């Protein structure tokens, strides 16, 4: 079985035959051509991974052969042959793309060594290309479940952007799986061997967020007893996931913009430093509205939203509920538990303000509290707080004398906060409004945070 094929272009008949014999004896499949023009025709027909060509030939020179081959097939390796004392010509050939050179006279062992090195390098090139392609195609979606058309669109977008350096902005309501998608993007990129560092911008007090993101040096403020690296520095060489980026305070937005544009961060009290970080951000807010309202910088928004990816709410992907339920049952130890069709219909009728996260919580609770190995509607009602036979929206019974719309709105805000245990992000998602709109309504009606 030949190790590989290669093409020899040499006008000297004796040398051409010696080269052919030496390499065939070593197990290679060898093609030969007596001049540059014939060599190019044979190259275009056979496409060998390696070409050995003399530089000084009548008609088309080895330089012209080299340039043409590299233009038509950049991955093909070319080794040039030069006469004794013509190393300058070999150097010129290397500058325009030659892999290596041989200087006459050269021995059989030297020839075979150069060929072996070249083909080994070509093998590494092909393996690297293959792994890149596999990496691009095999983004890990094992934690993200969905058969609906909208989720297939998400999967396709993630496959296309994962192996790039583009900043990605994940949009959608809370509980739609933005952190899981960020993980799939990271693990499908060339940064997969580096760290994936998540940070929730809404969960960190304003006065600590700058230090958390960019770090600080000793003595920068009261309590800074030692240097501390921030999340950007910790993610160096990997990916930083900025969750709830819409909650970033206005005074920190310019620093984030600089980090994205110039890949430079400035620790509190310290000097600027370079970082190599890819950013994937996420928000459940409408950042375009926030930009229009002056709460979010327009230039930062466009820097974050190079590739926007919208994650659909669960009510937009009802086809996924059966597969999600089975996935969560298996995840939480319910492999043998069955689910009735009536329960699946009930789950599809539910509003799911907490989206997939709420569904998982509900499935886990039903699994723990079940009375048999089949889950039915009666298992769902207690965990969902339902008392009737169906999960239908409540009909408003307004008084005959009328009811103020503001009072109705205040009641809706209070009810959403009650259902979501005071969590403003979940309550905003329940009401299907941006979080900053909910906060405005709470301030308007004097509802304590």
Protein backbone atom coordinates (compact mmCIF):
# COMPACT_ATOMS: atom_id res chain seq x y z
CA UNK A 1 0.00 0.00 0.00
CA UNK A 2 1.66 3.31 -1.03
CA UNK A 3 2.31 5.72 1.83
CA UNK A 4 1.33 8.74 -0.22
CA UNK A 5 1.59 10.19 -3.68
CA UNK A 6 3.98 12.94 -4.75
CA UNK A 7 4.98 14.61 -7.98
CA UNK A 8 8.57 15.18 -9.17
CA UNK A 9 9.13 17.90 -11.79
CA UNK A 10 12.71 17.68 -13.05
CA UNK A 11 14.14 18.28 -16.55
CA UNK A 12 17.29 16.22 -15.91
CA UNK A 13 16.28 12.69 -16.97
CA UNK A 14 18.96 10.92 -14.90
CA UNK A 15 18.17 12.84 -11.71
CA UNK A 16 14.45 12.38 -12.26
CA UNK A 17 14.87 8.61 -12.51
CA UNK A 18 17.12 8.48 -9.43
CA UNK A 19 14.58 10.45 -7.40
CA UNK A 20 11.73 8.27 -8.63
CA UNK A 21 13.57 5.04 -7.82
CA UNK A 22 14.69 6.20 -4.34
CA UNK A 23 11.21 7.27 -3.29
CA UNK A 24 9.39 4.28 -4.79
CA UNK A 25 11.88 2.05 -2.95
CA UNK A 26 10.82 3.85 0.25
CA UNK A 27 7.20 2.94 -0.46
CA UNK A 28 5.84 6.16 -1.99
CA UNK A 29 3.67 6.38 -5.08
CA UNK A 30 5.58 8.71 -7.42
CA UNK A 31 4.50 10.70 -10.47
CA UNK A 32 7.09 12.43 -12.68
CA UNK A 33 7.09 15.24 -15.25
CA UNK A 34 9.94 16.53 -17.47
CA UNK A 35 9.08 20.25 -17.32
CA UNK A 36 6.94 22.82 -15.53
CA UNK A 37 4.04 22.86 -17.97
CA UNK A 38 3.66 19.08 -18.02
CA UNK A 39 4.09 19.05 -14.25
CA UNK A 40 1.20 21.48 -13.72
CA UNK A 41 -1.08 19.46 -16.00
CA UNK A 42 -0.26 16.30 -14.04
CA UNK A 43 -0.72 18.14 -10.73
CA UNK A 44 -4.20 19.35 -11.71
CA UNK A 45 -5.18 15.83 -12.65
CA UNK A 46 -3.76 13.93 -9.67
CA UNK A 47 -3.68 16.59 -6.89
CA UNK A 48 -0.79 15.00 -4.94
CA UNK A 49 -0.16 16.39 -1.43
CA UNK A 50 3.56 17.04 -2.17
CA UNK A 51 5.40 18.41 -5.21
CA UNK A 52 9.20 18.39 -5.65
CA UNK A 53 10.34 20.74 -8.40
CA UNK A 54 13.67 21.95 -9.70
CA UNK A 55 13.97 25.74 -9.84
CA UNK A 56 16.15 26.05 -12.94
CA UNK A 57 14.28 24.47 -15.86
CA UNK A 58 13.83 25.53 -19.48
CA UNK A 59 10.50 27.12 -20.27
CA UNK A 60 8.45 27.47 -17.08
CA UNK A 61 10.73 27.88 -14.06
CA UNK A 62 10.26 26.24 -10.69
CA UNK A 63 9.29 29.66 -9.27
CA UNK A 64 6.34 29.86 -11.69
CA UNK A 65 5.34 26.28 -10.87
CA UNK A 66 5.48 27.08 -7.14
CA UNK A 67 3.39 30.27 -7.46
CA UNK A 68 0.75 28.55 -9.59
CA UNK A 69 0.42 25.57 -7.28
CA UNK A 70 0.11 27.75 -4.15
CA UNK A 71 -2.54 29.90 -5.87
CA UNK A 72 -4.59 26.89 -6.96
CA UNK A 73 -4.01 24.68 -3.92
CA UNK A 74 -2.57 26.55 -0.89
CA UNK A 75 -2.53 23.37 1.22
CA UNK A 76 -0.19 21.51 -1.20
CA UNK A 77 3.42 21.41 0.01
CA UNK A 78 6.21 22.21 -2.43
CA UNK A 79 9.91 21.32 -2.01
CA UNK A 80 12.32 23.04 -4.41
CA UNK A 81 15.66 21.76 -5.73
CA UNK A 82 18.51 24.23 -6.21
CA UNK A 83 22.03 23.93 -7.56
CA UNK A 84 25.06 24.07 -5.29
CA UNK A 85 25.76 27.65 -4.19
CA UNK A 86 22.24 28.86 -5.02
CA UNK A 87 20.81 28.97 -1.51
CA UNK A 88 19.54 32.51 -2.22
CA UNK A 89 17.18 31.07 -4.81
CA UNK A 90 15.87 28.58 -2.24
CA UNK A 91 15.29 31.39 0.26
CA UNK A 92 13.35 33.33 -2.38
CA UNK A 93 11.25 30.22 -3.00
CA UNK A 94 10.55 29.86 0.73
CA UNK A 95 9.32 33.45 0.78
CA UNK A 96 6.67 32.70 -1.82
CA UNK A 97 5.45 29.53 -0.16
CA UNK A 98 7.91 26.63 -0.54
CA UNK A 99 7.87 24.22 2.41
CA UNK A 100 11.57 23.22 2.20
CA UNK A 101 14.47 22.90 -0.26
CA UNK A 102 17.16 20.44 -1.35
CA UNK A 103 20.59 21.58 -2.55
CA UNK A 104 22.38 19.54 -5.21
CA UNK A 105 24.06 17.18 -4.71
CA UNK A 106 21.98 15.51 -2.01
CA UNK A 107 21.90 11.94 -0.83
CA UNK A 108 19.10 9.41 -0.76
CA UNK A 109 18.70 9.65 3.05
CA UNK A 110 18.42 13.45 2.94
CA UNK A 111 15.79 13.20 0.20
CA UNK A 112 13.72 10.67 2.09
CA UNK A 113 13.97 12.66 5.34
CA UNK A 114 12.70 15.86 3.68
CA UNK A 115 9.82 13.97 2.03
CA UNK A 116 8.88 12.20 5.27
CA UNK A 117 8.85 15.49 7.21
CA UNK A 118 6.78 17.22 4.56
CA UNK A 119 4.15 14.48 4.39
CA UNK A 120 4.01 14.23 8.18
CA UNK A 121 3.36 17.98 8.32
CA UNK A 122 0.66 17.62 5.66
CA UNK A 123 -0.91 14.87 7.74
CA UNK A 124 -1.04 17.20 10.72
CA UNK A 125 -2.66 19.87 8.54
CA UNK A 126 -5.35 17.45 7.41
CA UNK A 127 -5.95 16.17 10.95
CA UNK A 128 -6.27 19.70 12.26
CA UNK A 129 -8.74 20.57 9.49
CA UNK A 130 -10.72 17.41 10.25
CA UNK A 131 -10.86 18.19 13.97
CA UNK A 132 -11.94 21.76 13.24
CA UNK A 133 -14.74 20.44 11.06
CA UNK A 134 -15.81 17.92 13.71
CA UNK A 135 -15.68 20.62 16.35
CA UNK A 136 -17.86 22.80 14.20
CA UNK A 137 -20.37 20.01 13.56
CA UNK A 138 -20.33 18.39 17.00
CA UNK A 139 -21.24 21.20 19.35
CA UNK A 140 -22.37 19.57 22.57
CA UNK A 141 -26.15 19.97 22.85
CA UNK A 142 -26.56 17.11 25.33
CA UNK A 143 -27.90 19.47 28.02
CA UNK A 144 -30.22 21.34 25.64
CA UNK A 145 -33.34 19.45 24.65
CA UNK A 146 -35.63 20.41 21.80
CA UNK A 147 -37.20 19.01 18.64
CA UNK A 148 -39.30 22.04 17.72
CA UNK A 149 -38.50 24.11 14.64
CA UNK A 150 -37.56 27.13 16.76
CA UNK A 151 -35.04 25.13 18.79
CA UNK A 152 -33.58 23.64 15.62
CA UNK A 153 -33.00 27.21 14.45
CA UNK A 154 -31.18 27.92 17.72
CA UNK A 155 -29.01 24.80 17.30
CA UNK A 156 -28.14 25.79 13.73
CA UNK A 157 -27.15 29.30 14.78
CA UNK A 158 -24.99 28.02 17.64
CA UNK A 159 -23.19 25.60 15.30
CA UNK A 160 -22.44 28.45 12.92
CA UNK A 161 -21.11 30.91 15.50
CA UNK A 162 -19.42 28.61 18.03
CA UNK A 163 -16.10 28.28 16.23
CA UNK A 164 -15.73 32.04 15.65
CA UNK A 165 -14.51 34.85 17.88
CA UNK A 166 -17.72 36.86 17.51
CA UNK A 167 -19.43 38.25 20.60
CA UNK A 168 -22.84 36.60 21.04
CA UNK A 169 -25.87 38.11 22.78
CA UNK A 170 -28.42 35.56 24.02
CA UNK A 171 -31.92 37.01 24.26
CA UNK A 172 -35.04 35.60 25.85
CA UNK A 173 -37.01 35.26 29.04
CA UNK A 174 -35.58 33.88 32.26
CA UNK A 175 -35.44 30.11 32.40
CA UNK A 176 -35.04 29.53 28.66
CA UNK A 177 -31.56 27.99 28.98
CA UNK A 178 -29.23 30.87 28.12
CA UNK A 179 -26.40 29.57 30.33
CA UNK A 180 -26.63 26.12 28.72
CA UNK A 181 -26.39 27.69 25.26
CA UNK A 182 -23.41 29.77 26.38
CA UNK A 183 -21.73 26.54 27.48
CA UNK A 184 -22.45 24.91 24.10
CA UNK A 185 -20.91 27.90 22.31
CA UNK A 186 -17.79 27.73 24.48
CA UNK A 187 -17.31 23.97 24.20
CA UNK A 188 -17.82 24.14 20.43
CA UNK A 189 -15.09 26.75 19.99
CA UNK A 190 -11.32 26.61 19.79
CA UNK A 191 -11.33 28.01 23.34
CA UNK A 192 -12.90 24.82 24.71
CA UNK A 193 -9.67 23.91 26.53
CA UNK A 194 -9.75 27.28 28.31
CA UNK A 195 -12.04 28.37 31.16
CA UNK A 196 -15.72 29.24 30.89
CA UNK A 197 -16.31 31.87 33.58
CA UNK A 198 -19.93 32.90 34.34
CA UNK A 199 -20.89 36.06 36.18
CA UNK A 200 -24.41 37.27 36.97
CA UNK A 201 -24.39 41.06 36.69
CA UNK A 202 -27.73 41.33 38.54
CA UNK A 203 -26.66 39.24 41.53
CA UNK A 204 -23.61 41.32 42.54
CA UNK A 205 -24.01 44.60 44.47
CA UNK A 206 -23.26 47.66 42.35
CA UNK A 207 -20.33 48.77 44.51
CA UNK A 208 -18.61 45.38 44.13
CA UNK A 209 -19.33 44.68 40.47
CA UNK A 210 -16.37 46.63 39.03
CA UNK A 211 -13.91 44.73 41.21
CA UNK A 212 -15.69 41.45 40.43
CA UNK A 213 -15.35 42.00 36.68
CA UNK A 214 -11.99 43.73 36.38
CA UNK A 215 -10.22 42.93 39.67
CA UNK A 216 -8.41 45.28 42.05
CA UNK A 217 -4.99 45.85 43.56
CA UNK A 218 -4.10 45.91 47.22
CA UNK A 219 -5.08 49.17 48.91
CA UNK A 220 -7.39 50.28 46.10
CA UNK A 221 -10.21 50.73 48.62
CA UNK A 222 -11.03 49.92 52.21
CA UNK A 223 -10.89 46.17 52.68
CA UNK A 224 -8.68 45.50 49.64
CA UNK A 225 -5.97 43.72 51.63
CA UNK A 226 -4.54 41.83 48.64
CA UNK A 227 -4.55 41.87 44.86
CA UNK A 228 -7.55 40.14 43.33
CA UNK A 229 -8.03 39.04 39.74
CA UNK A 230 -11.45 39.74 38.23
CA UNK A 231 -13.62 37.57 36.04
CA UNK A 232 -12.05 38.90 32.85
CA UNK A 233 -8.57 37.85 34.01
CA UNK A 234 -9.88 34.47 35.17
CA UNK A 235 -11.41 33.90 31.71
CA UNK A 236 -8.15 34.74 29.89
CA UNK A 237 -7.78 32.29 27.00
CA UNK A 238 -11.41 31.20 27.36
CA UNK A 239 -14.94 32.57 27.44
CA UNK A 240 -16.65 35.01 29.81
CA UNK A 241 -20.42 34.58 30.17
CA UNK A 242 -22.04 37.85 31.25
CA UNK A 243 -25.52 36.89 32.41
CA UNK A 244 -28.13 39.63 32.94
CA UNK A 245 -25.83 42.12 31.17
CA UNK A 246 -28.77 44.50 30.85
CA UNK A 247 -28.45 45.17 34.61
CA UNK A 248 -24.90 46.54 34.22
CA UNK A 249 -24.72 50.01 35.87
CA UNK A 250 -24.23 52.97 33.54
CA UNK A 251 -20.84 53.91 35.01
CA UNK A 252 -19.40 50.45 34.23
CA UNK A 253 -20.67 50.27 30.68
CA UNK A 254 -17.72 52.30 29.21
CA UNK A 255 -15.22 49.94 30.88
CA UNK A 256 -16.97 46.91 29.43
CA UNK A 257 -17.04 48.58 26.01
CA UNK A 258 -13.28 49.15 26.17
CA UNK A 259 -12.68 45.55 27.21
CA UNK A 260 -14.70 44.35 24.22
CA UNK A 261 -13.19 46.73 21.69
CA UNK A 262 -9.54 46.73 22.75
CA UNK A 263 -9.32 43.60 24.92
CA UNK A 264 -7.91 45.80 27.66
CA UNK A 265 -9.08 45.83 31.28
CA UNK A 266 -8.12 48.15 34.11
CA UNK A 267 -8.26 46.71 37.65
CA UNK A 268 -9.48 49.10 40.33
CA UNK A 269 -6.41 51.06 41.42
CA UNK A 270 -4.21 49.24 38.91
CA UNK A 271 -2.76 49.62 35.42
CA UNK A 272 -4.38 48.52 32.17
CA UNK A 273 -3.58 45.01 30.96
CA UNK A 274 -4.38 42.96 27.87
CA UNK A 275 -6.71 39.96 28.04
CA UNK A 276 -7.65 37.34 25.48
CA UNK A 277 -11.33 36.73 26.23
CA UNK A 278 -14.38 35.94 24.15
CA UNK A 279 -17.62 37.32 25.61
CA UNK A 280 -21.02 35.68 25.45
CA UNK A 281 -23.69 37.86 27.07
CA UNK A 282 -27.31 37.25 27.97
CA UNK A 283 -30.30 39.30 29.01
CA UNK A 284 -34.04 38.95 29.47
CA UNK A 285 -34.52 42.69 28.94
CA UNK A 286 -35.30 44.48 25.70
CA UNK A 287 -31.98 46.27 25.27
CA UNK A 288 -33.24 48.26 22.31
CA UNK A 289 -35.86 49.80 24.59
CA UNK A 290 -33.19 50.38 27.24
CA UNK A 291 -31.02 52.15 24.64
CA UNK A 292 -33.97 54.31 23.57
CA UNK A 293 -34.67 55.14 27.22
CA UNK A 294 -31.05 56.07 27.95
CA UNK A 295 -30.41 53.21 30.40
CA UNK A 296 -27.98 51.37 28.11
CA UNK A 297 -25.23 52.64 25.83
CA UNK A 298 -26.02 52.23 22.16
CA UNK A 299 -22.38 51.54 21.19
CA UNK A 300 -22.11 48.84 23.87
CA UNK A 301 -25.35 47.25 22.68
CA UNK A 302 -24.08 46.93 19.12
CA UNK A 303 -20.72 45.62 20.36
CA UNK A 304 -22.50 42.92 22.40
CA UNK A 305 -25.09 42.05 19.75
CA UNK A 306 -22.68 41.14 16.94
CA UNK A 307 -24.54 37.82 16.78
CA UNK A 308 -27.94 37.98 18.54
CA UNK A 309 -29.53 34.61 19.31
CA UNK A 310 -33.14 34.51 20.53
CA UNK A 311 -34.15 31.63 22.80
CA UNK A 312 -37.89 30.98 22.56
CA UNK A 313 -40.10 30.83 25.63
CA UNK A 314 -41.58 27.44 26.50
CA UNK A 315 -45.05 28.56 25.37
CA UNK A 316 -43.50 29.13 21.90
CA UNK A 317 -42.16 25.56 21.70
CA UNK A 318 -44.95 23.37 23.06
CA UNK A 319 -43.78 20.48 20.85
CA UNK A 320 -40.77 20.18 23.15
CA UNK A 321 -42.74 19.59 26.37
CA UNK A 322 -43.00 15.77 26.03
CA UNK A 323 -39.27 15.35 25.33
CA UNK A 324 -38.36 17.83 28.07
CA UNK A 325 -40.52 15.97 30.59
CA UNK A 326 -38.86 12.64 29.72
CA UNK A 327 -35.41 14.28 29.87
CA UNK A 328 -36.08 15.68 33.34
CA UNK A 329 -37.55 12.40 34.57
CA UNK A 330 -34.40 10.57 33.47
CA UNK A 331 -32.21 13.30 34.95
CA UNK A 332 -33.86 12.98 38.37
CA UNK A 333 -34.08 9.19 38.56
CA UNK A 334 -37.50 8.54 37.06
CA UNK A 335 -36.48 6.32 34.14
CA UNK A 336 -39.38 3.88 34.63
CA UNK A 337 -42.06 6.49 35.31
CA UNK A 338 -44.79 6.93 32.68
CA UNK A 339 -46.65 10.14 31.81
CA UNK A 340 -50.32 10.19 30.81
CA UNK A 341 -51.54 11.97 27.67
CA UNK A 342 -53.92 14.01 29.83
CA UNK A 343 -50.99 15.32 31.87
CA UNK A 344 -49.08 16.27 28.73
CA UNK A 345 -52.13 18.21 27.51
CA UNK A 346 -52.35 19.92 30.92
CA UNK A 347 -48.67 20.86 30.78
CA UNK A 348 -49.12 22.30 27.29
CA UNK A 349 -52.00 24.47 28.57
CA UNK A 350 -49.94 25.93 31.44
CA UNK A 351 -48.47 29.43 31.03
CA UNK A 352 -44.91 28.56 32.30
CA UNK A 353 -43.70 32.04 33.29
CA UNK A 354 -40.48 30.40 34.53
CA UNK A 355 -40.08 28.51 31.24
CA UNK A 356 -37.89 25.38 31.11
CA UNK A 357 -36.51 25.99 34.59
CA UNK A 358 -40.03 26.01 36.03
CA UNK A 359 -40.94 22.85 34.09
CA UNK A 360 -37.93 21.00 35.47
CA UNK A 361 -38.80 22.08 39.00
CA UNK A 362 -42.38 20.91 38.47
CA UNK A 363 -41.33 17.51 37.06
CA UNK A 364 -38.92 16.91 39.94
CA UNK A 365 -41.61 17.73 42.51
CA UNK A 366 -44.17 15.48 40.81
CA UNK A 367 -41.60 12.69 40.72
CA UNK A 368 -40.91 13.00 44.45
CA UNK A 369 -44.56 13.27 45.50
CA UNK A 370 -46.06 10.70 43.07
CA UNK A 371 -48.24 7.85 44.33
CA UNK A 372 -47.57 5.47 41.44
CA UNK A 373 -45.27 4.94 38.48
CA UNK A 374 -47.59 6.91 36.20
CA UNK A 375 -47.83 10.67 36.48
CA UNK A 376 -51.28 12.12 35.80
CA UNK A 377 -53.13 15.41 36.06
CA UNK A 378 -53.76 14.83 39.77
CA UNK A 379 -49.98 14.80 40.34
CA UNK A 380 -49.61 18.16 38.61
CA UNK A 381 -52.36 20.19 40.29
CA UNK A 382 -50.86 20.30 43.78
CA UNK A 383 -47.36 21.26 42.62
CA UNK A 384 -48.75 23.92 40.24
CA UNK A 385 -51.18 25.37 42.79
CA UNK A 386 -54.24 24.45 40.70
CA UNK A 387 -57.60 23.56 42.20
CA UNK A 388 -59.79 23.34 39.10
CA UNK A 389 -59.71 20.78 36.34
CA UNK A 390 -57.76 22.91 33.91
CA UNK A 391 -55.08 25.58 33.95
CA UNK A 392 -57.11 28.42 32.45
CA UNK A 393 -56.57 32.16 32.88
CA UNK A 394 -58.69 33.72 35.63
CA UNK A 395 -61.69 35.69 34.34
CA UNK A 396 -61.88 39.21 35.78
CA UNK A 397 -65.08 40.06 37.66
CA UNK A 398 -65.02 43.85 37.66
CA UNK A 399 -67.55 45.77 39.82
CA UNK A 400 -70.57 47.34 38.10
CA UNK A 401 -69.48 50.81 39.13
CA UNK A 402 -66.14 50.48 37.35
CA UNK A 403 -62.57 49.86 38.47
CA UNK A 404 -59.49 52.07 38.01
CA UNK A 405 -57.02 50.66 35.46
CA UNK A 406 -54.12 51.75 37.68
CA UNK A 407 -55.55 49.70 40.56
CA UNK A 408 -55.87 46.72 38.25
CA UNK A 409 -52.27 47.14 37.10
CA UNK A 410 -51.04 47.45 40.69
CA UNK A 411 -52.95 44.28 41.61
CA UNK A 412 -51.33 42.43 38.70
CA UNK A 413 -47.83 43.53 39.77
CA UNK A 414 -48.46 42.48 43.38
CA UNK A 415 -49.87 39.11 42.30
CA UNK A 416 -46.87 38.46 39.99
CA UNK A 417 -44.42 39.29 42.80
CA UNK A 418 -46.33 37.03 45.18
CA UNK A 419 -46.27 34.10 42.76
CA UNK A 420 -42.56 34.60 42.07
CA UNK A 421 -41.58 34.96 45.76
CA UNK A 422 -40.55 38.58 45.26
CA UNK A 423 -38.08 37.77 42.45
CA UNK A 424 -38.31 40.78 40.13
CA UNK A 425 -36.77 39.06 37.11
CA UNK A 426 -39.23 36.15 37.24
CA UNK A 427 -42.14 38.50 37.97
CA UNK A 428 -41.27 40.61 34.91
CA UNK A 429 -41.15 37.46 32.80
CA UNK A 430 -44.52 36.38 34.22
CA UNK A 431 -46.05 39.73 33.22
CA UNK A 432 -44.17 39.59 29.90
CA UNK A 433 -42.60 43.02 30.37
CA UNK A 434 -38.94 44.14 30.69
CA UNK A 435 -37.56 44.13 34.22
CA UNK A 436 -36.90 47.88 34.23
CA UNK A 437 -40.59 48.42 33.33
CA UNK A 438 -41.60 46.33 36.34
CA UNK A 439 -39.29 48.34 38.61
CA UNK A 440 -40.82 51.57 37.25
CA UNK A 441 -44.33 50.27 38.04
CA UNK A 442 -43.24 49.23 41.55
CA UNK A 443 -41.87 52.71 42.22
CA UNK A 444 -44.99 54.30 40.71
CA UNK A 445 -47.33 52.36 43.03
CA UNK A 446 -45.06 52.48 46.07
CA UNK A 447 -44.48 48.73 46.13
CA UNK A 448 -41.37 48.00 48.23
CA UNK A 449 -38.53 46.13 46.52
